[in-house]
Every structure is written in structure tokens, then in C-alpha cells.
Amino acid sequence: MSRYYRYRLPPWALKCLIVVESVTLPILIFQLIRTIIFPTSFDVLLTLFLAFIFISFYLKWI
């Protein structure tokens, strides 16, 4: 089984991955502020999901 290597992806997939990586932090900050002001179950789950995605990119899991 080969190890996952992000730069082996097709150019279009790599571009999408880079866009998602660069947009994750601003969306996470906005969602965190929204969750603090209007806390709902969906907002909390969405914030946790975005935080997991951001940490995954930061630690180079994705």
C-alpha cells in the first residue's frame, strides 16, 4: 500500500486543496465568533469540524 502524498494529485485537485487550505482559517474565525454570539448545536459542530480540518492542514495530515 502506497503512502498518501499530496503532490501526486492531479493539478486540479492540488489547486482545490490549496484553496481549501487557505480559506479554512478565515472561515474558522468567522464561525468561532458566530458560535460565541449565537451558540446552537449546529454551530458548535461546524466549528469543531472546521477546527479539525484546520489542525489537519497545519500538522500536514492532509
Protein backbone atom coordinates (compact mmCIF):
# COMPACT_ATOMS: atom_id res chain seq x y z
CA MET A 1 0.00 0.00 0.00
CA SER A 2 1.47 3.33 -1.04
CA ARG A 3 1.62 6.29 1.30
CA TYR A 4 -0.56 9.30 0.58
CA TYR A 5 1.44 12.13 -0.97
CA ARG A 6 -0.45 15.32 -1.71
CA TYR A 7 1.77 16.45 -4.60
CA ARG A 8 0.98 13.31 -6.60
CA LEU A 9 -2.57 14.56 -7.01
CA PRO A 10 -3.73 15.87 -10.38
CA PRO A 11 -3.14 19.63 -10.82
CA TRP A 12 -6.83 20.49 -10.49
CA ALA A 13 -7.14 18.54 -7.21
CA LEU A 14 -3.97 20.11 -5.82
CA LYS A 15 -5.30 23.58 -6.67
CA CYS A 16 -8.60 22.81 -4.90
CA LEU A 17 -6.70 21.53 -1.87
CA ILE A 18 -4.59 24.69 -1.71
CA VAL A 19 -7.70 26.89 -1.96
CA VAL A 20 -9.44 24.97 0.84
CA GLU A 21 -6.30 25.20 2.96
CA SER A 22 -6.03 28.97 2.53
CA VAL A 23 -9.74 29.65 3.17
CA THR A 24 -10.11 27.44 6.25
CA LEU A 25 -8.67 29.88 8.81
CA PRO A 26 -10.85 32.92 7.93
CA ILE A 27 -13.98 30.76 7.87
CA LEU A 28 -12.99 29.19 11.19
CA ILE A 29 -12.53 32.61 12.81
CA PHE A 30 -15.88 33.84 11.48
CA GLN A 31 -17.61 30.67 12.64
CA LEU A 32 -15.99 30.89 16.08
CA ILE A 33 -17.27 34.45 16.52
CA ARG A 34 -20.71 33.40 15.33
CA THR A 35 -20.73 30.45 17.73
CA ILE A 36 -19.81 32.69 20.65
CA ILE A 37 -22.63 35.14 19.80
CA PHE A 38 -25.35 32.66 18.69
CA PRO A 39 -24.49 29.23 20.11
CA THR A 40 -26.52 26.45 18.54
CA SER A 41 -25.74 22.76 18.29
CA PHE A 42 -25.09 23.04 14.57
CA ASP A 43 -22.70 25.97 15.03
CA VAL A 44 -20.71 24.12 17.67
CA LEU A 45 -20.42 21.02 15.49
CA LEU A 46 -19.46 23.09 12.46
CA THR A 47 -16.81 24.94 14.47
CA LEU A 48 -15.35 21.67 15.72
CA PHE A 49 -15.30 20.27 12.18
CA LEU A 50 -13.56 23.37 10.82
CA ALA A 51 -11.07 23.29 13.69
CA PHE A 52 -10.28 19.65 12.90
CA ILE A 53 -9.77 20.48 9.21
CA PHE A 54 -7.52 23.44 10.10
CA ILE A 55 -5.43 21.35 12.51
CA SER A 56 -5.16 18.60 9.90
CA PHE A 57 -3.73 21.05 7.38
CA TYR A 58 -1.46 22.65 9.98
CA LEU A 59 0.02 19.31 11.05
CA LYS A 60 0.30 18.17 7.40
CA TRP A 61 -2.13 15.26 7.84
CA ILE A 62 -3.82 16.32 4.62
